[in-house]
Protein backbone atom coordinates (compact mmCIF):
# COMPACT_ATOMS: atom_id res chain seq x y z
CA MET A 1 4.67 -15.83 -9.65
CA HIS A 2 5.50 -14.07 -6.39
CA SER A 3 6.97 -15.51 -3.26
CA CYS A 4 4.53 -14.87 -0.41
CA GLY A 5 4.78 -14.81 3.34
CA PRO A 6 2.42 -13.96 6.19
CA LEU A 7 1.54 -10.33 6.80
CA TRP A 8 -1.33 -8.66 8.62
CA MET A 9 -3.97 -6.57 6.94
CA SER A 10 -6.64 -4.87 9.06
CA LEU A 11 -10.11 -4.15 7.74
CA ALA A 12 -12.41 -1.32 8.73
CA LEU A 13 -15.95 -1.85 7.47
CA LEU A 14 -18.53 0.92 7.80
CA VAL A 15 -22.15 -0.23 7.48
CA PHE A 16 -24.55 2.39 6.13
CA ALA A 17 -28.14 2.05 7.32
CA ALA A 18 -29.95 4.72 5.28
CA THR A 19 -30.62 4.70 1.57
CA VAL A 20 -27.56 5.76 -0.42
CA GLY A 21 -28.36 4.26 -3.80
CA ALA A 22 -29.95 1.34 -5.52
CA GLY A 23 -29.40 -2.01 -3.86
CA ASP A 24 -27.27 -3.00 -0.92
CA VAL A 25 -23.94 -3.42 -2.72
CA PRO A 26 -20.98 -2.12 -0.66
CA GLU A 27 -19.55 1.24 -1.72
CA GLN A 28 -17.20 4.02 -0.57
CA LEU A 29 -14.15 1.77 -0.33
CA ARG A 30 -11.08 3.36 1.26
CA LEU A 31 -7.59 2.28 2.24
CA ALA A 32 -5.22 3.32 5.04
CA LEU A 33 -1.90 2.22 6.53
CA THR A 34 -1.50 0.55 9.92
CA GLY A 35 1.97 1.85 10.72
CA VAL A 36 3.69 -1.44 9.90
CA ASN A 37 5.31 -1.68 6.48
CA GLY A 38 3.17 -3.78 4.19
CA GLU A 39 0.01 -3.66 6.29
CA MET A 40 -3.23 -2.13 5.08
CA VAL A 41 -6.67 -1.13 6.38
CA VAL A 42 -9.72 -1.41 4.13
CA GLY A 43 -13.01 0.38 4.81
CA TRP A 44 -16.38 0.33 3.04
CA THR A 45 -20.07 1.07 3.42
CA THR A 46 -23.26 -0.96 2.95
CA GLN A 47 -26.93 -0.33 3.68
CA LEU A 48 -27.48 -3.50 5.71
CA ASP A 49 -25.88 -4.52 8.99
CA ALA A 50 -25.76 -8.10 7.74
CA GLY A 51 -22.11 -8.83 8.32
CA SER A 52 -19.51 -8.36 5.61
CA THR A 53 -16.28 -9.89 4.45
CA VAL A 54 -13.34 -9.01 2.27
CA GLU A 55 -11.99 -11.35 -0.37
CA TYR A 56 -8.50 -10.70 -1.67
CA THR A 57 -5.88 -12.41 -3.76
CA CYS A 58 -2.57 -11.85 -5.49
CA ASP A 59 -0.59 -13.78 -8.06
CA GLY A 60 0.92 -16.74 -6.24
CA CYS A 61 -0.62 -16.17 -2.80
CA GLY A 62 -3.98 -17.86 -3.15
CA HIS A 63 -7.45 -16.61 -2.27
CA PHE A 64 -8.47 -15.43 1.21
CA THR A 65 -11.72 -14.40 2.91
CA VAL A 66 -11.88 -12.58 6.24
CA GLU A 67 -14.90 -11.50 8.29
CA GLY A 68 -15.30 -7.96 9.64
CA ASN A 69 -16.02 -7.04 13.27
CA ALA A 70 -18.38 -4.13 14.02
CA SER A 71 -18.58 -1.23 16.45
CA ARG A 72 -21.41 1.34 16.52
CA TYR A 73 -21.53 4.84 15.03
CA SER A 74 -24.58 6.87 16.04
CA ILE A 75 -24.54 9.83 13.63
CA PRO A 76 -27.91 9.98 11.79
CA ALA A 77 -28.12 7.37 9.03
CA TYR A 78 -25.01 5.52 10.16
CA THR A 79 -24.47 2.30 12.09
CA PRO A 80 -21.17 0.57 12.54
CA PRO A 81 -17.63 0.26 11.26
CA TYR A 82 -15.86 -3.11 11.38
CA THR A 83 -12.24 -4.12 11.91
CA SER A 84 -10.59 -7.49 11.27
CA PRO A 85 -7.08 -8.95 10.72
CA LEU A 86 -5.93 -10.49 7.42
CA LEU A 87 -2.88 -12.11 5.87
CA HIS A 88 -1.04 -10.86 2.83
CA CYS A 89 2.09 -11.32 0.74
CA THR A 90 5.41 -9.53 0.45
CA ALA A 91 5.82 -5.90 -0.55
CA PHE A 92 5.56 -4.78 -4.18
CA VAL A 93 2.72 -7.21 -4.87
CA LEU A 94 -0.46 -6.17 -6.64
CA TYR A 95 -3.60 -7.19 -4.76
CA SER A 96 -7.12 -7.59 -6.06
CA TYR A 97 -9.91 -7.28 -3.51
CA ARG A 98 -13.66 -6.98 -3.19
CA VAL A 99 -15.93 -6.57 -0.19
CA GLY A 100 -19.47 -7.59 0.63
CA HIS A 101 -21.71 -10.47 1.63
CA SER A 102 -24.07 -12.93 0.00
CA LYS A 103 -26.98 -10.93 1.47
CA THR A 104 -25.78 -7.54 0.25
CA GLY A 105 -23.91 -8.38 -2.91
CA TRP A 106 -20.30 -7.59 -3.72
CA SER A 107 -18.42 -4.46 -4.65
CA TRP A 108 -16.53 -4.15 -7.89
CA THR A 109 -13.06 -5.68 -7.72
CA HIS A 110 -10.37 -3.09 -6.96
CA GLN A 111 -6.58 -3.23 -6.80
CA PHE A 112 -3.77 -1.79 -4.71
CA MET A 113 -0.07 -2.47 -4.30
CA THR A 114 1.90 -2.72 -1.06
CA LYS A 115 5.03 -0.76 -1.87
CA ALA A 116 7.05 -0.22 1.31
CA ASP A 117 10.00 -2.49 1.96
CA VAL A 118 9.38 -4.70 4.98
CA GLN A 119 12.93 -3.81 6.03
CA PRO A 120 13.43 -0.27 4.69
CA THR A 121 16.76 1.51 4.51
CA PRO A 122 17.54 5.23 4.82
CA ASP A 123 17.67 5.37 1.04
CA SER A 124 14.33 3.64 0.46
CA PRO A 125 12.48 6.05 -1.87
CA LEU A 126 9.03 7.39 -0.99
CA ARG A 127 6.35 9.35 -2.85
CA PHE A 128 3.16 10.74 -1.38
CA LEU A 129 0.46 13.29 -2.13
CA SER A 130 -0.85 16.14 0.03
CA ILE A 131 -4.29 17.78 -0.04
CA GLY A 132 -6.48 19.72 2.34
CA ASP A 133 -9.86 21.42 2.56
CA GLU A 134 -11.31 19.64 -0.44
CA GLY A 135 -14.99 19.96 -1.22
CA THR A 136 -17.52 18.86 -3.79
CA ILE A 137 -17.70 21.93 -6.04
CA LYS A 138 -16.09 22.33 -9.48
CA GLY A 139 -12.65 23.22 -8.09
CA ALA A 140 -12.56 20.10 -5.95
CA LYS A 141 -13.59 17.87 -8.83
CA GLU A 142 -10.73 19.30 -10.87
CA VAL A 143 -8.29 18.53 -8.04
CA LEU A 144 -9.55 14.96 -7.84
CA ALA A 145 -9.27 14.50 -11.60
CA GLY A 146 -5.71 15.85 -11.55
CA MET A 147 -4.75 13.55 -8.70
CA LEU A 148 -6.08 10.51 -10.53
CA VAL A 149 -4.03 11.44 -13.60
CA ALA A 150 -0.94 11.96 -11.42
CA GLN A 151 -1.44 8.58 -9.74
CA GLU A 152 -1.46 6.87 -13.12
CA LYS A 153 1.82 8.60 -13.95
CA PHE A 154 3.73 8.57 -10.64
CA HIS A 155 2.19 5.74 -8.56
CA PHE A 156 2.24 7.38 -5.14
CA ASP A 157 2.56 5.35 -1.93
CA PHE A 158 -0.14 7.18 0.07
CA LEU A 159 -1.91 10.49 0.61
CA VAL A 160 -1.81 12.78 3.66
CA HIS A 161 -4.81 14.97 4.33
CA GLY A 162 -4.57 18.28 6.19
CA GLY A 163 -8.14 18.22 7.50
CA ASP A 164 -11.58 19.53 6.52
CA ILE A 165 -12.48 16.43 4.57
CA SER A 166 -15.40 16.72 2.15
CA TYR A 167 -17.66 14.39 4.10
CA ALA A 168 -17.51 16.69 7.13
CA ASN A 169 -19.67 19.20 5.26
CA GLY A 170 -22.35 16.56 4.81
CA ILE A 171 -21.24 14.56 1.76
CA GLN A 172 -19.39 11.44 2.83
CA ASP A 173 -18.57 9.61 -0.39
CA ILE A 174 -17.46 12.08 -3.07
CA TRP A 175 -13.74 11.38 -2.71
CA ASP A 176 -13.85 7.61 -2.18
CA GLN A 177 -12.91 7.04 -5.81
CA TRP A 178 -9.41 8.04 -4.75
CA GLY A 179 -9.53 6.09 -1.49
CA GLN A 180 -10.00 2.81 -3.34
CA LEU A 181 -6.58 3.17 -4.94
CA VAL A 182 -4.19 4.70 -2.42
CA PRO A 183 -4.11 4.77 1.41
CA TRP A 184 -5.50 7.96 2.96
CA MET A 185 -3.80 9.18 6.16
CA VAL A 186 -5.97 11.91 7.66
CA SER A 187 -5.72 14.65 10.27
CA VAL A 188 -8.64 16.36 11.96
CA GLY A 189 -9.85 19.79 10.84
CA ASN A 190 -12.21 22.31 12.36
CA HIS A 191 -15.05 21.07 10.14
CA GLU A 192 -14.67 17.63 11.69
CA MET A 193 -15.07 19.29 15.10
CA ARG A 194 -17.68 21.99 14.46
CA PRO A 195 -19.93 23.12 17.35
CA ASN A 196 -23.27 21.30 17.52
CA GLN A 197 -22.05 18.69 15.04
CA THR A 198 -20.76 15.23 15.84
CA ASP A 199 -17.18 14.16 15.18
CA ALA A 200 -18.32 10.53 14.92
CA GLY A 201 -17.73 10.51 11.17
CA PHE A 202 -14.04 11.25 11.66
CA LEU A 203 -13.66 9.00 14.68
CA TYR A 204 -15.28 5.93 13.16
CA ARG A 205 -15.00 6.29 9.42
CA PHE A 206 -11.21 6.25 9.44
CA ALA A 207 -8.87 3.74 11.06
CA MET A 208 -5.54 5.45 11.67
CA PRO A 209 -2.56 3.80 13.47
CA THR A 210 -3.35 5.52 16.76
CA ALA A 211 -2.98 2.49 19.03
CA GLN A 212 0.16 1.32 17.24
CA SER A 213 1.88 4.64 17.91
CA GLY A 214 0.53 5.24 21.41
CA GLY A 215 -1.47 8.24 20.23
CA GLU A 216 -4.84 9.56 21.34
CA SER A 217 -7.80 7.30 20.62
CA GLY A 218 -10.08 8.41 17.81
CA ASN A 219 -7.53 9.30 15.12
CA MET A 220 -6.73 12.69 16.69
CA TYR A 221 -2.95 12.28 16.73
CA TYR A 222 -0.68 9.43 15.77
CA SER A 223 2.49 8.56 13.87
CA PHE A 224 3.69 5.92 11.46
CA ASP A 225 6.81 4.91 9.58
CA TYR A 226 6.78 4.31 5.86
CA GLY A 227 9.91 3.75 3.83
CA ASN A 228 12.53 6.25 5.00
CA ALA A 229 10.10 8.68 6.67
CA HIS A 230 8.50 9.05 10.09
CA MET A 231 5.12 10.75 9.64
CA ILE A 232 3.34 12.60 12.48
CA ALA A 233 -0.32 13.67 12.45
CA LEU A 234 -1.37 16.17 15.13
CA GLU A 235 -4.63 17.75 16.28
CA SER A 236 -4.68 21.52 15.87
CA GLU A 237 -8.24 21.81 17.25
CA ALA A 238 -7.24 20.96 20.84
CA GLN A 239 -7.98 23.42 23.63
CA ASN A 240 -4.91 22.31 25.56
CA PHE A 241 -1.75 20.86 24.04
CA SER A 242 -0.13 19.32 27.12
CA ALA A 243 -1.19 15.75 26.29
CA GLN A 244 0.02 16.09 22.71
CA TYR A 245 3.26 17.62 23.93
CA ASP A 246 3.95 14.64 26.20
CA TRP A 247 3.08 12.14 23.47
CA LEU A 248 5.05 14.02 20.81
CA LYS A 249 8.13 14.22 23.01
CA ARG A 250 8.03 10.43 23.53
CA ASP A 251 7.33 9.77 19.88
CA LEU A 252 10.18 11.91 18.59
CA ALA A 253 12.60 10.39 21.10
CA GLN A 254 11.86 6.93 19.69
CA VAL A 255 12.51 7.76 16.04
CA ASN A 256 15.40 5.79 14.57
CA ARG A 257 17.00 8.30 12.21
CA THR A 258 19.31 5.65 10.80
CA VAL A 259 16.22 3.96 9.31
CA THR A 260 13.79 6.88 8.93
CA PRO A 261 16.01 9.95 8.46
CA TRP A 262 13.08 12.16 7.44
CA ILE A 263 10.43 13.44 9.86
CA ILE A 264 7.36 15.11 8.36
CA GLY A 265 4.39 16.48 10.29
CA PHE A 266 0.87 17.21 9.08
CA TRP A 267 -2.19 18.81 10.67
CA HIS A 268 -4.85 21.41 9.94
CA ARG A 269 -4.15 24.95 11.20
CA PRO A 270 -0.92 26.50 9.85
CA TRP A 271 1.80 27.83 12.10
CA TYR A 272 3.07 30.19 9.42
CA SER A 273 0.64 31.91 7.04
CA SER A 274 0.61 35.41 5.58
CA ASN A 275 -2.96 35.12 4.26
CA VAL A 276 -5.46 37.44 5.95
CA GLU A 277 -7.94 34.59 6.46
CA HIS A 278 -7.54 32.73 9.77
CA ALA A 279 -4.48 34.82 10.65
CA GLY A 280 -2.82 33.51 13.81
CA SER A 281 -5.16 30.52 14.16
CA GLY A 282 -2.24 28.16 14.82
CA ASP A 283 -0.27 30.40 17.17
CA VAL A 284 -1.23 28.66 20.43
CA MET A 285 -0.26 25.27 19.04
CA ARG A 286 2.98 26.66 17.65
CA GLY A 287 3.88 28.16 21.02
CA ALA A 288 3.34 24.81 22.70
CA LEU A 289 5.08 22.49 20.23
CA GLU A 290 7.46 24.35 17.91
CA ALA A 291 10.54 23.91 20.11
CA LEU A 292 10.08 20.12 20.03
CA PHE A 293 10.08 20.18 16.25
CA PHE A 294 13.22 22.30 16.11
CA ASP A 295 15.13 20.37 18.77
CA ASN A 296 14.37 17.06 17.08
CA ARG A 297 15.22 18.31 13.61
CA VAL A 298 11.86 17.80 11.99
CA ASP A 299 12.22 18.48 8.27
CA MET A 300 8.84 19.52 6.90
CA VAL A 301 5.28 20.35 7.98
CA ILE A 302 2.13 20.26 5.81
CA THR A 303 -1.08 22.01 6.90
CA GLY A 304 -4.36 23.30 5.44
CA HIS A 305 -7.24 25.44 6.81
CA VAL A 306 -6.43 28.52 4.72
CA HIS A 307 -7.86 27.96 1.23
CA CYS A 308 -4.75 28.84 -0.73
CA TYR A 309 -1.15 27.73 -1.13
CA GLU A 310 1.93 29.05 0.65
CA ARG A 311 5.44 27.69 1.10
CA THR A 312 7.91 29.04 3.65
CA LEU A 313 11.65 28.91 3.90
CA PRO A 314 13.01 27.00 6.92
CA VAL A 315 11.81 29.07 9.87
CA TYR A 316 11.85 28.90 13.67
CA GLN A 317 10.15 31.36 16.02
CA GLY A 318 9.50 33.69 13.11
CA ALA A 319 13.13 33.91 11.97
CA LEU A 320 14.90 32.16 9.11
CA ASN A 321 16.89 29.17 10.30
CA ASP A 322 18.42 26.58 7.97
CA GLU A 323 18.07 23.84 10.60
CA ALA A 324 14.33 24.39 11.07
CA PRO A 325 11.44 22.80 9.17
CA PHE A 326 9.89 24.45 6.16
CA TYR A 327 6.11 24.77 6.15
CA ILE A 328 3.47 24.19 3.51
CA THR A 329 -0.05 25.59 3.73
CA ASN A 330 -2.05 23.56 1.25
CA GLY A 331 -5.74 24.25 1.76
CA ALA A 332 -6.22 24.41 -2.01
CA GLY A 333 -8.27 21.23 -2.37
CA GLY A 334 -11.19 22.98 -4.04
CA ASN A 335 -13.54 24.21 -1.30
CA GLY A 336 -13.38 27.91 -2.19
CA MET A 337 -10.36 30.21 -2.35
CA ASP A 338 -8.85 32.70 0.14
CA ASP A 339 -6.99 35.21 -2.04
CA THR A 340 -6.40 38.13 0.34
CA TRP A 341 -2.78 38.43 1.40
CA GLY A 342 -0.97 40.58 3.92
CA ASP A 343 2.56 41.85 3.47
CA ALA A 344 4.96 39.03 2.58
CA PRO A 345 7.17 38.16 5.57
CA GLU A 346 10.83 37.29 5.09
CA TRP A 347 10.06 33.61 5.61
CA SER A 348 7.37 33.42 2.90
CA ALA A 349 8.83 31.94 -0.29
CA LYS A 350 5.75 31.42 -2.49
CA ARG A 351 2.06 32.40 -2.31
CA LEU A 352 -0.63 31.28 -4.75
CA ALA A 353 -4.41 31.50 -4.93
CA ALA A 354 -4.84 28.37 -7.05
CA TYR A 355 -6.39 24.95 -6.65
CA GLY A 356 -4.06 21.98 -6.61
CA PHE A 357 -2.31 19.24 -4.69
CA GLY A 358 1.17 18.65 -3.35
CA TYR A 359 3.65 15.92 -4.18
CA VAL A 360 6.56 14.91 -1.93
CA GLU A 361 9.35 12.69 -3.18
CA LEU A 362 12.09 11.45 -0.86
CA PHE A 363 14.87 10.19 -3.09
CA ASN A 364 17.21 9.01 -0.34
CA ALA A 365 18.38 10.02 3.14
CA THR A 366 19.44 13.52 2.11
CA HIS A 367 17.26 14.80 -0.75
CA LEU A 368 13.57 15.78 -0.56
CA HIS A 369 11.70 17.32 -3.48
CA TRP A 370 8.38 19.16 -3.08
CA THR A 371 6.11 20.22 -5.91
CA MET A 372 2.72 21.92 -5.93
CA ARG A 373 0.70 20.85 -8.95
CA SER A 374 -2.17 22.52 -10.73
CA SER A 375 -5.57 20.87 -10.45
CA SER A 376 -6.29 21.26 -14.15
CA ASP A 377 -3.32 19.46 -15.69
CA SER A 378 -0.98 18.40 -12.83
CA ALA A 379 1.60 20.93 -14.06
CA VAL A 380 4.17 22.12 -11.52
CA ILE A 381 3.26 25.58 -10.19
CA ASP A 382 5.84 25.65 -7.37
CA GLU A 383 8.72 23.45 -6.31
CA ALA A 384 11.54 23.31 -3.79
CA TRP A 385 14.40 21.01 -2.86
CA LEU A 386 15.41 20.30 0.71
CA VAL A 387 18.92 18.90 0.98
CA ARG A 388 20.04 17.85 4.44
CA PRO A 389 23.52 16.65 5.46
CA ALA A 390 23.73 12.96 6.26
CA ASP A 391 25.13 13.70 9.74
CA ARG A 392 22.31 16.06 10.77
CA PHE A 393 20.91 13.74 13.47
CA GLN A 394 23.30 14.66 16.23
CA THR A 395 21.59 16.29 19.21
CA ARG A 396 21.56 20.08 18.94
CA ARG A 397 23.46 21.79 21.75
């Protein structure tokens, strides 16, 4: 039996109005974090706007039912998402949950575990996955299968997505098998913001901790703490970066490096890529924001957009610098492959035209391990250690 105490869980319910399958049973369940350790967001889809609830339980904490609250979403075939507060137990508790209504029927029962310490320390370990630019073709299905195998083996805390989510190309439920198990933390890609197409799917389908972190409404940029890391999602599709600069400067100034010694950013367009495709597409953003990342000793950045894999050495303003972040381009989620490379710059450490997903493990306050894993068998195809001194948080002069 587990000792339980009060904790908030938010729900995001997306009601689907058009026909998506037989019956009205809720589907497309997905999880996300709220930015507070132990909190969770749950989302799902039904055909009927009949009201929906979530039922959840854990060993020793009883049985709870909470109603969802709706807001509208006008993309063709979609009407609203819902949000609602819940209670839950302490961290490291396995939850069972289902969603639905007596009028629509109930989903299958699914499970997740809240893993972050409510009061984390600098040495609280953390594991998460990284993908980007996934699709619905054979390569993407292999990536998904590999991730599910890896989750069974490693039990990741959450997933960060570098943008161009599969639903943005018209298929909104292919990857929800993964979203039922592990929180998805997403960033916006160019396919979420394509000309003559709505971004409503990204704005309403996902419930990121934007308000909690003072970020821009609509999931465009936000931050959250989890374990010993401060995570920052940015919007690389912006036409002007002044608002993000102001927010990012405030956000970085508020990071408590004695609790969250690691800072990791993720967004769509890479700042450093030697692939011919989309060359220089992140240069304007880099010019606006890179100095903030260097001055505040950000450790790592994960991006997508280019359909390949590349890892840099620590680099700042195009030159190697041990105190700078290292950069990952991981657009290898399965939506085609960009395999044309230019000359390898000094800062480029590894380049691969292969489908796969990334895995970050923070062992403690000083040691970070990155691996890129093959989609077919989860085998390591690239890896790197980042070891930082414990006293690295002093202001750079």
